Protein backbone atom coordinates (compact mmCIF):
# COMPACT_ATOMS: atom_id res chain seq x y z
CA MET A 1 14.34 -3.72 15.08
CA GLY A 2 13.16 -2.30 18.55
CA SER A 3 11.71 0.98 18.69
CA SER A 4 14.45 1.96 21.58
CA LEU A 5 17.18 1.23 18.72
CA VAL A 6 15.18 3.58 15.75
CA ILE A 7 15.27 6.07 18.48
CA ALA A 8 18.74 5.64 19.13
CA LEU A 9 19.40 5.84 15.27
CA PHE A 10 17.77 9.12 14.73
CA SER A 11 19.52 10.77 17.75
CA VAL A 12 22.32 9.63 16.03
CA VAL A 13 21.19 11.13 13.32
CA LEU A 14 20.40 14.42 14.30
CA ALA A 15 23.37 14.44 17.24
CA THR A 16 25.54 17.59 16.75
CA ASP A 17 28.45 16.43 18.54
CA TYR A 18 29.55 13.18 17.17
CA THR A 19 31.27 10.56 20.13
CA PRO A 20 32.58 8.03 19.40
CA GLN A 21 29.61 6.35 20.42
CA THR A 22 27.43 7.68 17.54
CA ILE A 23 29.91 6.77 15.21
CA HIS A 24 29.31 3.43 15.95
CA TYR A 25 25.72 3.50 16.19
CA ALA A 26 25.97 5.20 12.86
CA LYS A 27 28.34 3.22 10.88
CA HIS A 28 26.88 -0.25 12.51
CA TYR A 29 23.20 0.65 12.79
CA ILE A 30 22.13 2.87 10.13
CA PRO A 31 22.81 0.88 7.00
CA ALA A 32 19.94 -2.19 8.13
CA LEU A 33 17.87 0.98 9.46
CA CYS A 34 17.61 2.06 5.93
CA LEU A 35 17.45 -1.42 4.48
CA CYS A 36 14.36 -1.73 6.75
CA VAL A 37 12.93 1.24 5.45
CA ILE A 38 13.50 0.13 2.12
CA ARG A 39 12.12 -3.55 2.77
CA LYS A 40 8.76 -1.71 4.02
CA ILE A 41 8.74 0.44 1.10
CA THR A 42 8.61 -2.66 -1.20
CA GLU A 43 6.19 -4.25 0.89
CA LEU A 44 4.01 -1.40 0.79
CA GLU A 45 4.35 -1.01 -2.94
CA GLU A 46 3.78 -4.82 -3.08
CA GLU A 47 0.04 -4.13 -1.05
CA LEU A 48 -1.04 -0.93 -3.43
CA LYS A 49 -0.79 -2.86 -6.21
CA VAL A 50 -3.24 -5.27 -4.94
CA VAL A 51 -5.02 -2.40 -4.12
CA THR A 52 -4.84 -1.47 -7.51
CA ASN A 53 -5.99 -4.60 -9.08
CA ASN A 54 -8.96 -5.16 -6.52
CA MET A 55 -10.64 -1.39 -7.56
CA LYS A 56 -10.51 -1.88 -10.82
CA SER A 57 -11.73 -5.76 -10.91
CA LEU A 58 -14.52 -3.53 -8.50
CA GLU A 59 -15.12 -0.83 -10.86
CA ILE A 60 -15.67 -3.86 -13.87
CA ALA A 61 -17.92 -5.44 -11.74
CA GLU A 62 -19.67 -2.27 -10.70
CA GLN A 63 -20.01 -1.28 -14.54
CA GLU A 64 -21.29 -4.57 -15.52
CA VAL A 65 -23.54 -4.71 -12.71
CA CYS A 66 -25.73 -0.98 -14.01
CA MET A 67 -25.33 -2.46 -17.47
CA ALA A 68 -27.50 -5.66 -15.87
CA ILE A 69 -29.51 -3.53 -14.24
CA ALA A 70 -30.18 -1.21 -17.33
CA ARG A 71 -31.45 -4.23 -19.79
CA CYS A 72 -33.92 -4.73 -17.03
CA ARG A 73 -35.48 -1.42 -16.99
CA PHE A 74 -35.33 -1.72 -20.58
CA MET A 75 -36.85 -4.97 -21.15
CA ARG A 76 -39.45 -4.29 -17.93
CA ARG A 77 -40.45 -1.20 -19.50
CA ASN A 78 -40.75 -2.12 -23.35
CA ASN A 79 -42.64 -5.44 -21.95
CA VAL A 80 -39.77 -7.96 -23.00
CA THR A 81 -39.74 -11.18 -22.33
CA GLN A 82 -36.32 -13.44 -22.87
CA ILE A 83 -37.13 -16.76 -24.21
CA LEU A 84 -34.92 -19.37 -22.58
């Protein structure tokens, strides 16, 4: 949907005098605009879920790294050698 059409639709919504042309826009294009908005919201919600999952994975990885560093420091401090 072009930006000029979106601007025209918003001018229809904000219009105070409803001419036959503004009524035509309202009847035919506002439902399409609503569908576009709903699709975009759904798309953004899906992206947010992906970002949330990525953040959780990064937090878990960070915790694992911190634990590994703490183990290494403990072993170095106590002169512990691992037997492989």
